[in-house]
Amino acid sequence: MTTTQAAAAFPAAGTPSGAGGPKQSGSTGGTTTLGSGATGAAEPAATRGRTSIADTVVVKIAGMAAREIPGVHDMGGGLSRTLGAVRDRVPGGRPNIGRGVKVEVGERQTAIDLDLVVEYGVAITDVAHDVRENVIAAVERTTGLEVVEVNVTVNDVHLPEDDDEAAPAETRVA
C-alpha cells in the first residue's frame, strides 16, 4: 500500500490560515491531490498516476449524507434557502446538494461546517450527533480523507404549520 501525498498541507495548530493553510471551499472550486504516484512500467499499476478530488466533491458527499438523517428538513441559511426554492421551481433547475455546506480541505484532512433546519419535535442534539456520524463515515469512506471536525449549526426549526400555508384557507361563510 502506498502513502498518499498532496499539493497543499493542512496547517499545524496555531498556524494562521493565510500561511499555506487549507483552502476554504464554497463555490471556489479547489482540488486536493490525494495520490501523487510514480511513473514507469516498473511501478505497480495502482500507484501510476495521481488522484485529485475537487472540494465540491466533498461538499456534495457531506450534503447528501446530512440530508439522509431523519429530522433534517433542509440545509442552509435563510437567504440561501430562499434562493434555492426559487431555483428549484425554475424548469430545468436542479436542487443544490451543497447548500449549507462549507469545507476546508488539506493534504489528508478535511473540516466541514453544516447549516441545518431541523423538524419541530426532534431532539436537536441527537440529530446533530447522527449527522456528524453519517457525514464523517461517508466522507472518509468515499474520499479517504480524515474528517477532523464537523461543526453543525441549527439555523431554524421547521414547524408543521409551515406546510399548511400553501394549502388554501377554509372560508367560514358559505
C-alpha atoms as a PDB file:
ATOM      1  CA  MET A   1       0.000   0.000   0.000  1.00  0.00           C
ATOM      2  CA  THR A   2       1.332   3.457  -0.765  1.00  0.00           C
ATOM      3  CA  THR A   3       1.181   6.575   1.313  1.00  0.00           C
ATOM      4  CA  THR A   4      -0.794   9.478  -0.025  1.00  0.00           C
ATOM      5  CA  GLN A   5       0.713  12.861  -0.762  1.00  0.00           C
ATOM      6  CA  ALA A   6      -0.877  16.167  -1.610  1.00  0.00           C
ATOM      7  CA  ALA A   7      -0.144  19.555  -3.069  1.00  0.00           C
ATOM      8  CA  ALA A   8      -1.128  21.626  -0.014  1.00  0.00           C
ATOM      9  CA  ALA A   9      -0.540  20.779   3.648  1.00  0.00           C
ATOM     10  CA  PHE A  10      -3.103  21.161   6.424  1.00  0.00           C
ATOM     11  CA  PRO A  11      -1.739  23.805   8.818  1.00  0.00           C
ATOM     12  CA  ALA A  12      -0.385  22.903  12.222  1.00  0.00           C
ATOM     13  CA  ALA A  13      -2.286  24.120  15.266  1.00  0.00           C
ATOM     14  CA  GLY A  14      -1.776  27.835  15.739  1.00  0.00           C
ATOM     15  CA  THR A  15      -0.762  28.416  12.119  1.00  0.00           C
ATOM     16  CA  PRO A  16      -2.675  31.270  10.503  1.00  0.00           C
ATOM     17  CA  SER A  17      -4.963  30.270   7.651  1.00  0.00           C
ATOM     18  CA  GLY A  18      -3.240  32.577   5.186  1.00  0.00           C
ATOM     19  CA  ALA A  19       0.147  30.918   5.708  1.00  0.00           C
ATOM     20  CA  GLY A  20      -0.093  27.901   3.437  1.00  0.00           C
ATOM     21  CA  GLY A  21      -3.181  26.604   5.194  1.00  0.00           C
ATOM     22  CA  PRO A  22      -6.206  24.799   3.844  1.00  0.00           C
ATOM     23  CA  LYS A  23      -8.404  26.094   1.100  1.00  0.00           C
ATOM     24  CA  GLN A  24     -11.930  27.021   2.122  1.00  0.00           C
ATOM     25  CA  SER A  25     -14.491  25.799  -0.307  1.00  0.00           C
ATOM     26  CA  GLY A  26     -17.880  27.096  -1.158  1.00  0.00           C
ATOM     27  CA  SER A  27     -18.004  27.996  -4.788  1.00  0.00           C
ATOM     28  CA  THR A  28     -14.238  28.455  -5.188  1.00  0.00           C
ATOM     29  CA  GLY A  29     -13.710  25.008  -6.703  1.00  0.00           C
ATOM     30  CA  GLY A  30     -10.240  23.993  -5.468  1.00  0.00           C
ATOM     31  CA  THR A  31      -8.875  20.491  -5.728  1.00  0.00           C
ATOM     32  CA  THR A  32      -6.851  18.285  -3.419  1.00  0.00           C
ATOM     33  CA  THR A  33      -4.320  15.845  -4.792  1.00  0.00           C
ATOM     34  CA  LEU A  34      -4.506  12.613  -2.828  1.00  0.00           C
ATOM     35  CA  GLY A  35      -2.037  10.385  -4.575  1.00  0.00           C
ATOM     36  CA  SER A  36       0.969  11.527  -6.489  1.00  0.00           C
ATOM     37  CA  GLY A  37       2.294   8.216  -7.674  1.00  0.00           C
ATOM     38  CA  ALA A  38       5.422   7.329  -9.521  1.00  0.00           C
ATOM     39  CA  THR A  39       5.553   6.781 -13.251  1.00  0.00           C
ATOM     40  CA  GLY A  40       7.076   3.983 -15.228  1.00  0.00           C
ATOM     41  CA  ALA A  41       6.414   0.421 -16.209  1.00  0.00           C
ATOM     42  CA  ALA A  42       8.270  -0.942 -13.167  1.00  0.00           C
ATOM     43  CA  GLU A  43       5.755   0.594 -10.748  1.00  0.00           C
ATOM     44  CA  PRO A  44       2.593  -1.289  -9.671  1.00  0.00           C
ATOM     45  CA  ALA A  45      -0.445  -0.307 -11.721  1.00  0.00           C
ATOM     46  CA  ALA A  46      -2.323   1.094  -8.723  1.00  0.00           C
ATOM     47  CA  THR A  47       0.414   3.654  -7.994  1.00  0.00           C
ATOM     48  CA  ARG A  48       0.908   5.016 -11.507  1.00  0.00           C
ATOM     49  CA  GLY A  49      -0.566   8.487 -11.690  1.00  0.00           C
ATOM     50  CA  ARG A  50      -2.237  10.943  -9.398  1.00  0.00           C
ATOM     51  CA  THR A  51      -5.690  11.189  -7.809  1.00  0.00           C
ATOM     52  CA  SER A  52      -7.261  14.621  -7.344  1.00  0.00           C
ATOM     53  CA  ILE A  53     -10.551  15.333  -5.568  1.00  0.00           C
ATOM     54  CA  ALA A  54     -12.292  18.672  -6.117  1.00  0.00           C
ATOM     55  CA  ASP A  55     -13.552  20.435  -2.997  1.00  0.00           C
ATOM     56  CA  THR A  56     -17.061  20.402  -4.446  1.00  0.00           C
ATOM     57  CA  VAL A  57     -16.976  16.601  -4.316  1.00  0.00           C
ATOM     58  CA  VAL A  58     -16.505  16.723  -0.532  1.00  0.00           C
ATOM     59  CA  VAL A  59     -19.275  19.361  -0.306  1.00  0.00           C
ATOM     60  CA  LYS A  60     -21.737  17.157  -2.207  1.00  0.00           C
ATOM     61  CA  ILE A  61     -20.888  13.992  -0.261  1.00  0.00           C
ATOM     62  CA  ALA A  62     -21.328  15.817   3.059  1.00  0.00           C
ATOM     63  CA  GLY A  63     -24.596  17.413   1.889  1.00  0.00           C
ATOM     64  CA  MET A  64     -26.077  14.092   0.778  1.00  0.00           C
ATOM     65  CA  ALA A  65     -25.002  12.355   3.999  1.00  0.00           C
ATOM     66  CA  ALA A  66     -26.523  15.092   6.184  1.00  0.00           C
ATOM     67  CA  ARG A  67     -29.837  15.015   4.303  1.00  0.00           C
ATOM     68  CA  GLU A  68     -30.137  11.234   4.861  1.00  0.00           C
ATOM     69  CA  ILE A  69     -30.698  11.721   8.596  1.00  0.00           C
ATOM     70  CA  PRO A  70     -34.323  11.754   9.826  1.00  0.00           C
ATOM     71  CA  GLY A  71     -35.149  15.106  11.404  1.00  0.00           C
ATOM     72  CA  VAL A  72     -33.145  17.201   8.915  1.00  0.00           C
ATOM     73  CA  HIS A  73     -35.726  19.225   6.993  1.00  0.00           C
ATOM     74  CA  ASP A  74     -33.437  21.417   4.881  1.00  0.00           C
ATOM     75  CA  MET A  75     -29.976  22.918   4.813  1.00  0.00           C
ATOM     76  CA  GLY A  76     -28.569  26.413   4.513  1.00  0.00           C
ATOM     77  CA  GLY A  77     -29.317  29.826   5.960  1.00  0.00           C
ATOM     78  CA  GLY A  78     -32.475  31.814   5.277  1.00  0.00           C
ATOM     79  CA  LEU A  79     -31.268  33.605   2.143  1.00  0.00           C
ATOM     80  CA  SER A  80     -29.686  30.538   0.569  1.00  0.00           C
ATOM     81  CA  ARG A  81     -32.877  28.516   1.206  1.00  0.00           C
ATOM     82  CA  THR A  82     -34.986  31.247  -0.384  1.00  0.00           C
ATOM     83  CA  LEU A  83     -32.769  31.398  -3.456  1.00  0.00           C
ATOM     84  CA  GLY A  84     -32.715  27.600  -3.572  1.00  0.00           C
ATOM     85  CA  ALA A  85     -36.513  27.442  -3.512  1.00  0.00           C
ATOM     86  CA  VAL A  86     -36.654  29.816  -6.465  1.00  0.00           C
ATOM     87  CA  ARG A  87     -34.061  27.774  -8.342  1.00  0.00           C
ATOM     88  CA  ASP A  88     -35.966  24.538  -7.649  1.00  0.00           C
ATOM     89  CA  ARG A  89     -39.127  25.997  -9.231  1.00  0.00           C
ATOM     90  CA  VAL A  90     -37.390  27.074 -12.448  1.00  0.00           C
ATOM     91  CA  PRO A  91     -37.935  24.498 -15.210  1.00  0.00           C
ATOM     92  CA  GLY A  92     -34.723  22.554 -15.712  1.00  0.00           C
ATOM     93  CA  GLY A  93     -33.285  23.784 -12.407  1.00  0.00           C
ATOM     94  CA  ARG A  94     -31.612  21.253 -10.152  1.00  0.00           C
ATOM     95  CA  PRO A  95     -31.521  21.336  -6.372  1.00  0.00           C
ATOM     96  CA  ASN A  96     -28.209  22.445  -4.876  1.00  0.00           C
ATOM     97  CA  ILE A  97     -26.957  19.497  -2.843  1.00  0.00           C
ATOM     98  CA  GLY A  98     -24.108  21.593  -1.436  1.00  0.00           C
ATOM     99  CA  ARG A  99     -26.348  24.309   0.021  1.00  0.00           C
ATOM    100  CA  GLY A 100     -25.475  24.821   3.693  1.00  0.00           C
ATOM    101  CA  VAL A 101     -22.113  23.019   3.464  1.00  0.00           C
ATOM    102  CA  LYS A 102     -18.654  24.573   3.705  1.00  0.00           C
ATOM    103  CA  VAL A 103     -15.426  22.589   3.734  1.00  0.00           C
ATOM    104  CA  GLU A 104     -11.751  23.172   4.343  1.00  0.00           C
ATOM    105  CA  VAL A 105      -9.594  20.546   2.683  1.00  0.00           C
ATOM    106  CA  GLY A 106      -5.937  19.974   3.419  1.00  0.00           C
ATOM    107  CA  GLU A 107      -3.406  17.325   2.479  1.00  0.00           C
ATOM    108  CA  ARG A 108      -5.021  14.372   4.205  1.00  0.00           C
ATOM    109  CA  GLN A 109      -7.708  16.005   6.353  1.00  0.00           C
ATOM    110  CA  THR A 110     -10.884  17.995   5.989  1.00  0.00           C
ATOM    111  CA  ALA A 111     -13.111  20.073   8.272  1.00  0.00           C
ATOM    112  CA  ILE A 112     -16.798  20.520   7.498  1.00  0.00           C
ATOM    113  CA  ASP A 113     -19.358  23.149   8.567  1.00  0.00           C
ATOM    114  CA  LEU A 114     -23.085  22.428   8.140  1.00  0.00           C
ATOM    115  CA  ASP A 115     -26.101  24.749   8.450  1.00  0.00           C
ATOM    116  CA  LEU A 116     -29.297  22.789   9.173  1.00  0.00           C
ATOM    117  CA  VAL A 117     -33.027  23.286   9.540  1.00  0.00           C
ATOM    118  CA  VAL A 118     -34.498  20.572  11.760  1.00  0.00           C
ATOM    119  CA  GLU A 119     -38.055  19.318  12.102  1.00  0.00           C
ATOM    120  CA  TYR A 120     -40.014  20.504  15.133  1.00  0.00           C
ATOM    121  CA  GLY A 121     -40.140  17.887  17.884  1.00  0.00           C
ATOM    122  CA  VAL A 122     -36.841  16.132  17.227  1.00  0.00           C
ATOM    123  CA  ALA A 123     -34.016  16.212  19.747  1.00  0.00           C
ATOM    124  CA  ILE A 124     -31.558  18.625  18.154  1.00  0.00           C
ATOM    125  CA  THR A 125     -28.535  17.146  19.927  1.00  0.00           C
ATOM    126  CA  ASP A 126     -29.450  13.646  18.694  1.00  0.00           C
ATOM    127  CA  VAL A 127     -29.924  14.878  15.114  1.00  0.00           C
ATOM    128  CA  ALA A 128     -26.582  16.741  15.240  1.00  0.00           C
ATOM    129  CA  HIS A 129     -24.856  13.617  16.589  1.00  0.00           C
ATOM    130  CA  ASP A 130     -26.360  11.400  13.879  1.00  0.00           C
ATOM    131  CA  VAL A 131     -25.483  13.943  11.162  1.00  0.00           C
ATOM    132  CA  ARG A 132     -21.866  14.081  12.373  1.00  0.00           C
ATOM    133  CA  GLU A 133     -21.526  10.300  12.378  1.00  0.00           C
ATOM    134  CA  ASN A 134     -23.076   9.886   8.923  1.00  0.00           C
ATOM    135  CA  VAL A 135     -21.082  12.726   7.326  1.00  0.00           C
ATOM    136  CA  ILE A 136     -17.779  11.513   8.783  1.00  0.00           C
ATOM    137  CA  ALA A 137     -18.406   7.937   7.672  1.00  0.00           C
ATOM    138  CA  ALA A 138     -19.465   8.953   4.139  1.00  0.00           C
ATOM    139  CA  VAL A 139     -16.612  11.406   3.511  1.00  0.00           C
ATOM    140  CA  GLU A 140     -13.903   9.162   4.956  1.00  0.00           C
ATOM    141  CA  ARG A 141     -15.189   6.073   3.129  1.00  0.00           C
ATOM    142  CA  THR A 142     -15.606   7.823  -0.213  1.00  0.00           C
ATOM    143  CA  THR A 143     -12.598  10.157  -0.343  1.00  0.00           C
ATOM    144  CA  GLY A 144     -10.058   8.614   2.012  1.00  0.00           C
ATOM    145  CA  LEU A 145      -9.649  11.992   3.757  1.00  0.00           C
ATOM    146  CA  GLU A 146      -9.667  12.104   7.560  1.00  0.00           C
ATOM    147  CA  VAL A 147     -12.508  14.295   8.846  1.00  0.00           C
ATOM    148  CA  VAL A 148     -11.123  16.248  11.803  1.00  0.00           C
ATOM    149  CA  GLU A 149     -14.380  18.019  12.705  1.00  0.00           C
ATOM    150  CA  VAL A 150     -17.966  18.523  11.644  1.00  0.00           C
ATOM    151  CA  ASN A 151     -19.496  21.710  13.039  1.00  0.00           C
ATOM    152  CA  VAL A 152     -23.294  21.738  12.997  1.00  0.00           C
ATOM    153  CA  THR A 153     -25.265  24.986  13.217  1.00  0.00           C
ATOM    154  CA  VAL A 154     -29.051  24.737  13.519  1.00  0.00           C
ATOM    155  CA  ASN A 155     -30.436  27.880  11.881  1.00  0.00           C
ATOM    156  CA  ASP A 156     -34.146  27.167  12.056  1.00  0.00           C
ATOM    157  CA  VAL A 157     -36.869  24.753  13.120  1.00  0.00           C
ATOM    158  CA  HIS A 158     -39.460  23.678  10.558  1.00  0.00           C
ATOM    159  CA  LEU A 159     -42.927  23.838  12.101  1.00  0.00           C
ATOM    160  CA  PRO A 160     -45.831  21.660  10.897  1.00  0.00           C
ATOM    161  CA  GLU A 161     -47.958  24.729  10.156  1.00  0.00           C
ATOM    162  CA  ASP A 162     -45.254  25.989   7.760  1.00  0.00           C
ATOM    163  CA  ASP A 163     -46.543  23.387   5.288  1.00  0.00           C
ATOM    164  CA  ASP A 164     -50.150  24.454   5.855  1.00  0.00           C
ATOM    165  CA  GLU A 165     -49.511  27.946   4.478  1.00  0.00           C
ATOM    166  CA  ALA A 166     -49.525  26.543   0.958  1.00  0.00           C
ATOM    167  CA  ALA A 167     -52.945  24.920   1.493  1.00  0.00           C
ATOM    168  CA  PRO A 168     -55.997  27.055   0.693  1.00  0.00           C
ATOM    169  CA  ALA A 169     -57.666  28.535   3.762  1.00  0.00           C
ATOM    170  CA  GLU A 170     -61.199  27.425   4.582  1.00  0.00           C
ATOM    171  CA  THR A 171     -63.869  30.079   4.494  1.00  0.00           C
ATOM    172  CA  ARG A 172     -66.173  30.490   7.464  1.00  0.00           C
ATOM    173  CA  VAL A 173     -69.170  31.524   5.406  1.00  0.00           C
ATOM    174  CA  ALA A 174     -70.899  29.858   2.506  1.00  0.00           C
END
